[in-house]
Protein backbone atom coordinates (compact mmCIF):
# COMPACT_ATOMS: atom_id res chain seq x y z
CA MET A 1 113.15 87.25 87.03
CA THR A 2 115.54 86.31 89.87
CA MET A 3 113.67 88.75 92.22
CA PHE A 4 110.29 87.27 91.12
CA TRP A 5 111.54 83.71 92.11
CA MET A 6 112.74 85.05 95.35
CA ILE A 7 109.40 86.64 96.37
CA CYS A 8 107.57 83.69 95.27
CA ALA A 9 109.88 81.34 97.44
CA LEU A 10 109.47 83.70 100.34
CA LEU A 11 105.71 83.62 100.28
CA LEU A 12 105.75 79.85 99.86
CA VAL A 13 107.71 79.46 102.93
CA VAL A 14 105.37 81.69 104.90
CA ALA A 15 102.44 79.60 103.86
CA LEU A 16 104.23 76.38 104.50
CA LEU A 17 105.01 77.61 108.12
CA PHE A 18 101.40 78.33 108.86
CA VAL A 19 100.43 74.72 108.10
CA LEU A 20 103.62 72.68 109.00
CA VAL A 21 104.49 74.24 112.51
CA PRO A 22 100.89 73.02 113.99
CA LEU A 23 101.31 69.55 112.19
CA TRP A 24 104.74 69.09 113.63
CA ARG A 25 104.02 70.12 117.13
CA SER A 26 101.17 67.59 117.33
CA SER A 27 101.96 64.47 119.15
CA THR A 28 100.68 60.66 119.31
CA LYS A 29 100.86 61.14 123.10
CA THR A 30 97.72 63.06 122.79
CA GLY A 31 95.63 60.15 123.03
CA TYR A 32 97.35 58.84 126.19
CA VAL A 33 96.82 62.24 128.03
CA GLN A 34 93.17 62.08 127.33
CA ARG A 35 92.84 58.52 128.61
CA ASP A 36 95.07 59.21 131.74
CA ALA A 37 92.93 62.20 132.69
CA ALA A 38 89.65 60.11 132.24
CA ASN A 39 91.13 57.41 134.70
CA LEU A 40 92.09 60.04 137.26
CA ASP A 41 88.44 61.27 137.20
CA ILE A 42 87.22 57.87 137.75
CA PHE A 43 89.74 57.37 140.53
CA ARG A 44 88.69 60.53 142.56
CA ASP A 45 84.96 59.30 142.10
CA GLN A 46 85.44 56.10 143.58
CA ILE A 47 87.67 57.54 146.27
CA ALA A 48 85.01 60.01 147.07
CA GLU A 49 82.40 56.93 147.28
CA MET A 50 84.61 55.07 149.65
CA ASP A 51 85.02 58.15 151.87
CA ALA A 52 81.34 58.46 152.11
CA ASP A 53 80.79 54.83 153.04
CA LEU A 54 83.48 55.24 155.58
CA ARG A 55 81.79 58.27 157.16
CA ASN A 56 78.37 56.48 157.15
CA GLY A 57 79.88 53.27 158.67
CA LEU A 58 79.22 51.05 155.56
CA LEU A 59 83.14 50.20 155.51
CA THR A 60 85.60 49.48 158.25
CA PRO A 61 88.79 51.46 158.27
CA GLU A 62 90.56 48.17 157.45
CA LEU A 63 88.39 47.65 154.32
CA TYR A 64 88.64 51.37 153.28
CA GLU A 65 92.53 51.20 153.37
CA GLN A 66 92.53 48.02 151.34
CA GLY A 67 90.15 49.11 148.78
CA LYS A 68 92.12 52.47 148.61
CA ARG A 69 95.50 50.39 147.84
CA GLU A 70 93.83 48.44 145.21
CA LEU A 71 92.49 51.67 143.32
CA GLN A 72 95.95 53.08 143.69
CA GLY A 73 97.46 49.99 141.99
CA ARG A 74 95.11 50.01 139.05
CA LEU A 75 95.49 53.58 138.45
CA LEU A 76 99.31 53.16 138.36
CA GLU A 77 98.83 50.53 135.83
CA GLU A 78 96.38 52.56 133.67
CA VAL A 79 98.59 55.62 133.53
CA LYS A 80 101.88 53.89 133.11
CA GLU A 81 103.78 55.50 129.97
CA PRO A 82 103.68 53.23 126.90
CA THR A 83 106.97 51.30 126.23
CA GLY A 84 109.60 52.26 123.84
CA ALA A 85 108.59 49.62 121.38
CA ALA A 86 105.02 50.91 121.46
CA GLN A 87 106.15 54.47 120.86
CA ILE A 88 108.13 53.32 117.70
CA ALA A 89 105.51 51.27 116.43
CA VAL A 90 102.92 54.06 116.76
CA ARG A 91 104.52 57.04 114.61
CA ASN A 92 103.12 60.37 114.63
CA PRO A 93 101.13 60.73 111.23
CA HIS A 94 101.08 64.54 111.25
CA LYS A 95 104.80 64.81 111.02
CA ALA A 96 104.62 62.37 107.97
CA LEU A 97 102.10 64.64 106.49
CA ALA A 98 104.22 67.80 107.23
CA LEU A 99 107.16 66.25 105.25
CA ALA A 100 104.91 65.45 102.43
CA LEU A 101 103.70 68.99 102.10
CA VAL A 102 107.22 70.32 102.20
CA ILE A 103 107.76 68.45 99.06
CA LEU A 104 104.36 68.57 97.30
CA LEU A 105 103.35 71.98 97.69
CA PRO A 106 106.25 73.59 95.98
CA LEU A 107 106.08 71.49 93.30
CA LEU A 108 102.41 71.78 92.82
CA ALA A 109 102.69 75.65 92.87
CA VAL A 110 105.33 75.83 90.28
CA GLY A 111 103.67 73.15 88.02
CA VAL A 112 100.35 75.19 88.17
CA TYR A 113 102.18 78.37 87.29
CA TRP A 114 104.00 76.87 84.51
CA LYS A 115 100.75 75.53 83.05
CA VAL A 116 98.53 78.65 83.44
CA GLY A 117 101.12 81.49 84.02
CA ASN A 118 102.90 83.82 81.51
CA GLN A 119 106.30 82.69 81.01
CA LYS A 120 106.84 85.22 78.10
CA VAL A 121 107.83 87.65 80.84
CA PHE A 122 110.96 85.57 81.47
CA GLN A 123 112.17 85.41 77.84
CA PRO A 124 115.56 87.10 77.78
CA GLN A 125 115.92 90.57 76.26
CA ALA A 126 118.71 91.72 73.93
CA GLN A 127 121.19 93.30 76.18
CA ASN A 128 121.46 96.54 74.28
CA SER A 129 118.13 97.15 72.61
CA GLY A 130 118.02 100.60 70.91
CA ALA A 131 114.62 101.27 72.54
CA GLY A 132 116.18 102.06 75.79
CA PHE A 133 118.06 105.13 74.27
CA ALA A 134 116.40 108.50 73.74
CA THR A 135 117.10 110.38 70.40
CA ALA A 136 118.57 113.66 69.97
CA ARG A 137 115.68 116.24 69.76
CA SER A 138 117.45 119.22 68.12
CA GLU A 139 120.00 119.72 65.44
CA GLY A 140 122.21 121.15 68.29
CA ALA A 141 121.96 117.89 70.29
CA LEU A 142 122.53 115.74 67.19
CA LYS A 143 125.91 117.66 66.42
CA GLU A 144 126.90 117.06 70.17
CA LEU A 145 125.90 113.32 69.74
CA GLU A 146 127.84 112.99 66.44
CA ALA A 147 130.93 114.65 68.04
CA LYS A 148 130.49 112.08 71.06
CA VAL A 149 130.55 109.35 69.03
CA GLU A 150 133.55 110.42 66.90
CA LYS A 151 135.55 111.06 70.03
CA ASN A 152 134.69 107.67 71.37
CA PRO A 153 133.69 105.18 68.41
CA GLN A 154 133.15 102.33 71.08
CA ASP A 155 130.32 103.81 72.96
CA THR A 156 127.65 101.64 71.94
CA GLY A 157 124.91 103.55 73.85
CA SER A 158 125.70 106.93 71.90
CA LEU A 159 125.81 104.82 68.71
CA GLN A 160 122.46 103.31 69.30
CA GLN A 161 121.14 106.86 70.14
CA LEU A 162 122.68 108.17 67.07
CA ALA A 163 121.05 105.52 64.79
CA ARG A 164 117.79 105.98 66.16
CA THR A 165 117.99 109.69 65.57
CA TYR A 166 119.13 109.10 62.09
CA VAL A 167 116.07 106.83 61.58
CA GLU A 168 113.54 109.42 63.06
CA GLN A 169 114.98 112.00 60.48
CA GLU A 170 114.59 109.56 57.63
CA ARG A 171 118.41 109.59 57.07
CA PHE A 172 118.18 106.05 56.49
CA ALA A 173 121.75 105.56 54.70
CA GLU A 174 123.47 107.33 57.77
CA ALA A 175 121.35 105.03 60.11
CA ALA A 176 122.34 101.95 58.29
CA LYS A 177 126.00 102.88 58.48
CA THR A 178 125.80 103.44 62.26
CA TYR A 179 124.06 100.07 62.64
CA ASN A 180 126.82 98.51 60.70
CA GLU A 181 129.37 99.83 63.29
CA LEU A 182 127.10 98.75 66.20
CA THR A 183 126.95 95.10 64.78
CA LYS A 184 130.85 95.02 64.74
CA LEU A 185 130.69 95.91 68.46
CA LEU A 186 127.85 93.91 69.56
CA PRO A 187 127.74 90.95 67.10
CA ASN A 188 125.24 88.90 69.23
CA ASP A 189 122.43 91.53 69.47
CA ALA A 190 119.75 90.32 67.21
CA ASN A 191 117.78 93.56 67.70
CA LEU A 192 120.72 95.42 66.14
CA TRP A 193 120.83 93.06 63.14
CA ALA A 194 117.05 93.66 62.57
CA ASP A 195 117.39 97.55 63.03
CA PHE A 196 120.18 97.33 60.58
CA ALA A 197 117.92 95.63 57.95
CA ASP A 198 115.29 97.73 58.41
CA ALA A 199 117.45 100.96 57.80
CA LEU A 200 119.15 99.41 54.98
CA ALA A 201 115.96 98.55 53.34
CA MET A 202 114.56 101.94 53.91
CA ALA A 203 117.71 103.50 52.19
CA GLY A 204 116.92 101.22 49.40
CA GLY A 205 113.44 102.37 48.58
CA GLN A 206 111.93 99.89 51.19
CA ASN A 207 113.47 96.86 49.27
CA LEU A 208 114.29 94.10 51.75
CA ALA A 209 115.76 91.84 48.85
CA GLY A 210 119.53 91.16 48.73
CA HIS A 211 121.62 92.38 51.64
CA PRO A 212 118.70 93.29 53.94
CA THR A 213 117.47 89.58 53.72
CA LEU A 214 120.91 88.42 54.97
CA LEU A 215 120.87 90.70 57.88
CA ILE A 216 117.29 89.43 58.74
CA ASN A 217 118.67 85.89 58.45
CA LYS A 218 121.56 86.79 60.91
CA ALA A 219 118.99 88.36 63.58
CA LEU A 220 116.81 85.07 63.35
CA GLU A 221 120.10 82.99 63.65
CA LEU A 222 120.78 84.74 66.86
CA ASP A 223 117.32 84.98 68.12
CA PRO A 224 114.58 82.81 66.25
CA ASN A 225 111.78 84.65 68.19
CA ASN A 226 113.01 88.22 67.51
CA PRO A 227 109.85 90.02 66.89
CA LYS A 228 111.20 92.63 64.47
CA ALA A 229 113.24 90.06 62.55
CA LEU A 230 110.22 87.86 62.25
CA ALA A 231 108.11 90.66 60.89
CA LEU A 232 110.91 91.60 58.23
CA ALA A 233 111.36 88.08 57.28
CA GLY A 234 107.73 87.82 56.51
CA SER A 235 107.64 90.98 54.26
CA ALA A 236 110.93 89.84 52.55
CA ALA A 237 109.18 86.48 51.72
CA MET A 238 106.09 88.27 50.48
CA GLY A 239 108.44 90.23 48.06
CA ARG A 240 109.77 86.93 46.70
CA ASN A 241 106.33 85.60 46.38
CA GLU A 242 107.10 83.08 48.84
CA TYR A 243 103.76 83.18 50.69
CA SER A 244 104.02 79.96 52.71
CA VAL A 245 107.29 81.18 54.04
CA ALA A 246 105.61 84.67 55.00
CA ILE A 247 102.83 82.96 56.74
CA GLN A 248 105.32 80.76 58.60
CA HIS A 249 107.24 83.83 60.06
CA TRP A 250 104.13 85.77 60.75
CA GLU A 251 102.25 83.00 62.51
CA LYS A 252 105.23 82.47 64.86
CA LEU A 253 105.20 86.09 65.40
CA LEU A 254 101.59 86.16 66.46
CA LYS A 255 102.32 83.53 69.12
CA LEU A 256 104.76 86.16 70.65
CA ILE A 257 102.62 89.06 70.98
CA ALA A 258 99.40 89.74 72.83
CA PRO A 259 96.47 88.99 70.58
CA GLU A 260 94.35 91.98 71.40
CA THR A 261 97.08 94.65 70.21
CA GLU A 262 96.99 96.44 67.06
CA ASP A 263 100.28 94.77 65.98
CA ALA A 264 98.58 91.37 66.36
CA LYS A 265 95.52 92.51 64.35
CA MET A 266 97.90 93.94 61.68
CA ILE A 267 100.04 90.61 61.36
CA ALA A 268 96.90 88.52 61.33
CA GLY A 269 95.57 90.62 58.41
CA ALA A 270 98.83 90.14 56.56
CA VAL A 271 98.66 86.33 57.11
CA GLN A 272 95.14 86.55 55.82
CA GLN A 273 96.22 88.20 52.85
CA ALA A 274 99.09 85.66 52.13
CA ARG A 275 96.70 82.81 52.44
CA MET A 276 94.33 84.38 50.02
CA VAL A 277 97.10 84.86 47.45
CA LEU A 278 98.52 81.41 48.21
CA ALA A 279 94.93 79.99 47.70
CA GLN A 280 94.76 81.32 44.25
CA GLY A 281 97.90 79.67 42.99
CA GLY A 282 100.13 82.46 44.20
CA GLN A 283 98.46 85.22 41.98
CA PRO A 284 97.17 88.28 43.91
CA SER A 285 93.65 88.95 43.64
CA ALA A 286 92.33 92.22 42.51
CA ALA A 287 89.34 93.76 40.61
CA GLN A 288 91.51 94.14 37.59
CA PRO A 289 93.17 91.33 35.60
CA PRO A 290 97.00 91.22 35.95
CA ALA A 291 97.63 92.67 32.57
CA GLN A 292 95.76 95.90 33.55
CA MET A 293 97.69 96.10 36.79
CA GLU A 294 101.05 96.39 35.07
CA THR A 295 100.21 99.83 33.81
CA SER A 296 102.45 102.90 32.93
CA PRO A 297 103.11 105.31 35.67
CA SER A 298 100.50 107.81 34.39
CA VAL A 299 97.79 105.35 34.45
CA ALA A 300 98.93 104.01 37.74
CA GLY A 301 98.26 107.42 39.37
CA LYS A 302 94.43 106.42 39.48
CA GLU A 303 95.05 104.93 42.91
CA ARG A 304 96.78 107.98 44.34
CA ILE A 305 95.15 109.56 47.45
CA THR A 306 96.13 113.13 48.25
CA GLY A 307 95.27 115.26 51.27
CA THR A 308 96.49 117.45 54.15
CA VAL A 309 97.31 116.27 57.59
CA THR A 310 97.14 118.56 60.64
CA LEU A 311 97.83 118.49 64.54
CA SER A 312 95.01 119.73 66.62
CA ASP A 313 95.98 122.74 68.89
CA ALA A 314 94.94 120.73 72.09
CA LEU A 315 97.67 118.05 71.11
CA LYS A 316 100.51 120.45 70.14
CA ALA A 317 101.87 120.47 73.68
CA LYS A 318 102.14 116.66 73.82
CA ALA A 319 104.32 116.32 70.70
CA ASN A 320 107.93 117.03 70.12
CA PRO A 321 109.07 118.85 66.79
CA ASN A 322 111.31 115.85 66.08
CA ASP A 323 108.56 112.89 66.74
CA MET A 324 107.88 110.90 63.76
CA VAL A 325 104.53 111.53 61.90
CA PHE A 326 103.26 108.28 59.93
CA ILE A 327 100.47 108.69 57.19
CA LEU A 328 99.50 105.35 56.11
CA ALA A 329 96.62 103.65 54.21
CA ARG A 330 95.14 100.16 54.98
CA ALA A 331 92.21 98.22 53.69
CA ALA A 332 88.80 99.22 55.14
CA GLU A 333 88.03 95.45 55.29
CA GLY A 334 90.18 92.79 55.57
CA PRO A 335 94.01 92.75 56.25
CA ARG A 336 95.23 95.69 58.55
CA MET A 337 98.70 95.56 56.97
CA PRO A 338 99.61 99.14 55.60
CA LEU A 339 99.22 99.56 51.87
CA ALA A 340 101.26 102.67 51.62
CA VAL A 341 103.13 104.86 54.09
CA VAL A 342 104.69 108.35 54.25
CA ARG A 343 107.10 109.40 56.88
CA LYS A 344 107.25 113.01 58.20
CA GLN A 345 108.02 114.77 61.52
CA VAL A 346 105.85 116.88 63.70
CA LYS A 347 107.78 120.22 62.65
CA ASP A 348 106.60 119.69 59.27
CA LEU A 349 103.07 119.85 59.86
CA PRO A 350 100.58 120.74 58.59
CA PHE A 351 101.79 119.26 55.25
CA GLU A 352 100.21 117.74 52.09
CA PHE A 353 100.54 114.06 51.44
CA THR A 354 100.28 111.61 48.69
CA LEU A 355 99.85 108.01 48.86
CA ASP A 356 100.25 105.63 45.95
CA ASP A 357 101.34 102.28 44.78
CA SER A 358 105.15 103.34 44.83
CA MET A 359 104.94 103.45 48.66
CA SER A 360 103.69 100.01 49.16
CA VAL A 361 105.24 97.76 51.78
CA SER A 362 104.78 94.62 50.00
CA PRO A 363 104.36 94.09 46.16
CA GLN A 364 101.11 92.03 46.94
CA MET A 365 99.57 94.82 49.20
CA LYS A 366 98.98 98.00 46.92
CA LEU A 367 96.26 100.71 47.17
CA SER A 368 95.08 99.68 43.54
CA LYS A 369 94.12 96.25 44.62
CA PHE A 370 91.33 97.53 47.14
CA ASP A 371 88.15 99.17 46.39
CA SER A 372 88.02 100.99 49.85
CA VAL A 373 90.63 102.06 52.15
CA VAL A 374 90.94 104.15 55.45
CA LEU A 375 93.82 106.62 56.39
CA VAL A 376 95.51 106.78 59.65
CA ALA A 377 98.07 109.81 60.60
CA ARG A 378 100.10 108.83 63.76
CA VAL A 379 102.50 111.02 65.87
CA THR A 380 105.07 108.63 67.76
CA SER A 381 108.34 108.78 69.47
CA SER A 382 108.94 105.10 68.83
CA GLY A 383 110.40 105.66 65.29
CA ASP A 384 108.35 102.81 63.61
CA PRO A 385 104.54 102.88 62.29
CA MET A 386 103.18 100.39 64.60
CA PRO A 387 100.81 101.72 67.24
CA HIS A 388 101.98 102.30 70.86
CA PRO A 389 100.10 103.48 73.85
CA GLY A 390 100.66 107.25 74.27
CA ASP A 391 100.68 107.88 70.40
CA LEU A 392 98.60 110.78 68.88
CA GLU A 393 96.48 109.77 66.23
CA GLY A 394 93.63 110.78 63.58
CA GLY A 395 91.83 108.99 60.91
CA SER A 396 89.36 108.87 58.06
CA GLY A 397 86.30 107.15 56.99
CA PRO A 398 86.29 104.46 54.25
CA LEU A 399 87.98 106.29 50.92
CA LYS A 400 88.18 105.09 47.21
CA PRO A 401 91.64 104.96 45.81
CA GLY A 402 91.98 108.24 43.52
CA SER A 403 90.36 110.32 46.26
CA SER A 404 91.78 113.87 46.60
CA GLY A 405 91.56 116.69 49.15
CA VAL A 406 91.40 114.51 52.02
CA LYS A 407 91.46 116.16 55.56
CA LEU A 408 93.16 114.38 58.27
CA SER A 409 93.25 115.93 61.72
CA ILE A 410 95.49 114.24 64.54
CA ASP A 411 93.26 114.95 67.53
CA LYS A 412 93.30 111.95 69.99
CA VAL A 413 95.78 110.16 72.28
CA LYS A 414 95.91 106.57 71.86
């Protein structure tokens, strides 16, 4: 940010110099110089006429000398410098304009940028975000990383790398334990508290209630605009049936992310779903009445979708064996929030998957509540199911819950 403002200030100074130097050098004496030049031309013309009259005998030498002296006297009176009082009374307006521009132009430039520019690029980032640390890509590298952390438990960079590696390998309990140590060393890092809450919830069967919610609140206390904490807080509120609270968190999140991204579309869909439920008195809408939705596990399997996911040969070189693979279902029309999610790794491909209500992200967003869904399979090194540039992806057309034998091919780069 400091470099940005330094460059802007330099460019503004250069622009001001182009305008101010000519204005400052201009003088009120310009008018006097032009008038004096005109008087001198008139004097020369009159002297030339008198010289011609003298040669032609129209003037005597005495009259010629007398007329010449009179002309010289008038000329001296005309070209005499203005008095000091006159110079003080007639100030240079160009210099006054230059001084005004020195003040007004920087203020105007900053004001216009603050009005139409993007200040989000200046929002402070957490000092030790885990996104900046690569994960261990092999079992040997993981062992070395664990040994490094054991030797130096205060190495926050290695701890974050280890925590992210555990998350990618779905070792959520160990990831939560590592994040617990990190929050002791970096208690003011909101990102770490949000990651801690996420790992702990995943270790507890994707349940954000209880301790994960306390961790989310801590993250928001440190940074009320932390995107991950806001997203988790909204999901936690949905799980408590506090739909207005969920909407509040997610709408705040929407103001912090670019509106055209997949993240924004997904969050907007979740807000839409929460509003629909809230409009119906807090009861989720579904084709079936609530009594039929609370079915036994054997009946609840009707919403199950099964199939196989593969990675195309053309993209195998672009994927690391330890990259995460997410298979998720979302509504074909309406909210883009995932209804069910399965995590695997590239080294597990190809594999058979099953999606059902037990894998739902929110109690109010289940496969069984939608007549038509689409499936997405995504390979990512980010460790989360949100889409990112460079992810490998494949998808299906609209499917009915209960479909089986679905073939998913990850065959394009996002």
